[in-house]
C-alpha atoms as a PDB file:
ATOM      1  CA  LYS A   1      96.533  63.908  96.596  1.00  0.00           C
ATOM      2  CA  GLY A   2      97.987  62.164  99.602  1.00  0.00           C
ATOM      3  CA  ASN A   3     101.421  63.680  98.986  1.00  0.00           C
ATOM      4  CA  ASP A   4     100.183  67.285  98.716  1.00  0.00           C
ATOM      5  CA  THR A   5     101.487  69.492 101.484  1.00  0.00           C
ATOM      6  CA  ALA A   6     100.998  73.149 102.218  1.00  0.00           C
ATOM      7  CA  GLY A   7     104.010  75.264 102.914  1.00  0.00           C
ATOM      8  CA  ALA A   8     106.830  77.266 101.462  1.00  0.00           C
ATOM      9  CA  ASN A   9     109.855  75.948  99.639  1.00  0.00           C
ATOM     10  CA  ALA A  10     112.832  77.816 101.116  1.00  0.00           C
ATOM     11  CA  MET A  11     115.212  76.358  98.552  1.00  0.00           C
ATOM     12  CA  ILE A  12     113.925  78.246  95.506  1.00  0.00           C
ATOM     13  CA  PRO A  13     116.215  81.000  94.190  1.00  0.00           C
ATOM     14  CA  GLY A  14     115.542  84.469  95.503  1.00  0.00           C
ATOM     15  CA  ARG A  15     116.206  87.860  94.039  1.00  0.00           C
ATOM     16  CA  MET A  16     118.087  90.898  95.251  1.00  0.00           C
ATOM     17  CA  VAL A  17     115.914  93.789  96.417  1.00  0.00           C
ATOM     18  CA  ASP A  18     117.331  97.134  97.525  1.00  0.00           C
ATOM     19  CA  CYS A  19     115.445  98.759 100.379  1.00  0.00           C
ATOM     20  CA  ILE A  20     115.736 101.460 102.971  1.00  0.00           C
ATOM     21  CA  PHE A  21     114.652 100.474 106.466  1.00  0.00           C
ATOM     22  CA  GLY A  22     113.627 102.995 109.075  1.00  0.00           C
ATOM     23  CA  TYR A  23     113.019 102.628 112.779  1.00  0.00           C
ATOM     24  CA  CYS A  24     110.764 105.059 114.621  1.00  0.00           C
ATOM     25  CA  ASP A  25     110.624 104.982 118.409  1.00  0.00           C
ATOM     26  CA  ILE A  26     108.356 106.897 120.794  1.00  0.00           C
ATOM     27  CA  GLN A  27     110.680 108.766 123.150  1.00  0.00           C
ATOM     28  CA  ASN A  28     110.059 108.496 126.927  1.00  0.00           C
ATOM     29  CA  PHE A  29     107.469 105.769 126.385  1.00  0.00           C
ATOM     30  CA  ALA A  30     107.825 104.473 129.953  1.00  0.00           C
ATOM     31  CA  ASP A  31     106.912 107.922 131.294  1.00  0.00           C
ATOM     32  CA  ALA A  32     103.966 108.191 128.898  1.00  0.00           C
ATOM     33  CA  THR A  33     102.748 104.761 129.987  1.00  0.00           C
ATOM     34  CA  GLN A  34     102.950 105.688 133.644  1.00  0.00           C
ATOM     35  CA  ILE A  35     101.091 108.966 133.134  1.00  0.00           C
ATOM     36  CA  LEU A  36      98.472 107.806 130.599  1.00  0.00           C
ATOM     37  CA  GLN A  37      97.990 104.322 132.090  1.00  0.00           C
ATOM     38  CA  ASP A  38      94.999 102.689 130.361  1.00  0.00           C
ATOM     39  CA  LYS A  39      94.886 105.460 127.720  1.00  0.00           C
ATOM     40  CA  VAL A  40      98.405 104.727 126.458  1.00  0.00           C
ATOM     41  CA  MET A  41      97.107 102.617 123.560  1.00  0.00           C
ATOM     42  CA  VAL A  42      95.003 105.541 122.320  1.00  0.00           C
ATOM     43  CA  PHE A  43      98.199 107.626 122.356  1.00  0.00           C
ATOM     44  CA  VAL A  44     100.181 104.938 120.496  1.00  0.00           C
ATOM     45  CA  ASN A  45      97.393 104.512 117.928  1.00  0.00           C
ATOM     46  CA  GLN A  46      97.325 108.273 117.276  1.00  0.00           C
ATOM     47  CA  ILE A  47     101.067 108.286 116.663  1.00  0.00           C
ATOM     48  CA  ALA A  48     100.765 105.153 114.500  1.00  0.00           C
ATOM     49  CA  GLU A  49      98.139 106.875 112.353  1.00  0.00           C
ATOM     50  CA  ILE A  50     100.523 109.794 111.734  1.00  0.00           C
ATOM     51  CA  VAL A  51     103.551 107.565 111.056  1.00  0.00           C
ATOM     52  CA  HIS A  52     101.642 105.210 108.745  1.00  0.00           C
ATOM     53  CA  GLY A  53     100.110 108.138 106.865  1.00  0.00           C
ATOM     54  CA  ILE A  54     103.471 109.798 106.200  1.00  0.00           C
ATOM     55  CA  VAL A  55     105.149 106.529 105.225  1.00  0.00           C
ATOM     56  CA  ASP A  56     102.268 105.691 102.850  1.00  0.00           C
ATOM     57  CA  GLU A  57     102.438 109.173 101.347  1.00  0.00           C
ATOM     58  CA  TYR A  58     106.080 108.605 100.445  1.00  0.00           C
ATOM     59  CA  ALA A  59     105.511 105.121  98.932  1.00  0.00           C
ATOM     60  CA  GLY A  60     106.747 103.154 101.902  1.00  0.00           C
ATOM     61  CA  ALA A  61     105.208 100.561 104.164  1.00  0.00           C
ATOM     62  CA  ALA A  62     104.958 100.281 107.922  1.00  0.00           C
ATOM     63  CA  ASN A  63     106.249  96.736 108.243  1.00  0.00           C
ATOM     64  CA  LYS A  64     105.807  96.064 111.935  1.00  0.00           C
ATOM     65  CA  ASN A  65     104.659  97.780 115.109  1.00  0.00           C
ATOM     66  CA  ILE A  66     106.333  96.604 118.288  1.00  0.00           C
ATOM     67  CA  GLY A  67     104.917  98.390 121.301  1.00  0.00           C
ATOM     68  CA  GLU A  68     106.553 101.816 121.159  1.00  0.00           C
ATOM     69  CA  ALA A  69     108.456 101.253 117.893  1.00  0.00           C
ATOM     70  CA  PHE A  70     107.671 101.069 114.193  1.00  0.00           C
ATOM     71  CA  LEU A  71     109.714  99.292 111.519  1.00  0.00           C
ATOM     72  CA  LEU A  72     109.360 101.084 108.181  1.00  0.00           C
ATOM     73  CA  VAL A  73     110.527 100.085 104.710  1.00  0.00           C
ATOM     74  CA  TRP A  74     110.896 101.710 101.311  1.00  0.00           C
ATOM     75  CA  ARG A  75     111.776  99.609  98.278  1.00  0.00           C
ATOM     76  CA  LEU A  76     114.251 101.276  95.929  1.00  0.00           C
ATOM     77  CA  ILE A  77     113.561 101.043  92.225  1.00  0.00           C
ATOM     78  CA  ASP A  78     116.865 100.594  90.414  1.00  0.00           C
ATOM     79  CA  ALA A  79     116.952 101.270  86.679  1.00  0.00           C
ATOM     80  CA  ASP A  80     119.701  98.705  86.068  1.00  0.00           C
ATOM     81  CA  ALA A  81     118.308  96.063  88.443  1.00  0.00           C
ATOM     82  CA  SER A  82     117.471  93.862  85.456  1.00  0.00           C
ATOM     83  CA  HIS A  83     121.224  93.497  84.775  1.00  0.00           C
ATOM     84  CA  ARG A  84     121.944  91.857  88.139  1.00  0.00           C
ATOM     85  CA  THR A  85     122.354  88.151  88.520  1.00  0.00           C
END
């Protein structure tokens, strides 16, 4: 038990995955921040709810929210993916 360690082995073989990445940015965010001030997070959360809902509806995932931007991803299902090496 003394040699057990927690962690990830980065040297194991990976696999190829085809994806589409999207980037969604709130336009004029600096202006919105200045006008809305302490209510800007409510505004961002309302937009996030819309973006996440649409992405979920179309079988995607909102990968990361970074302030005024959202990183979105859709994994492509390839019929001949099993033939790749």
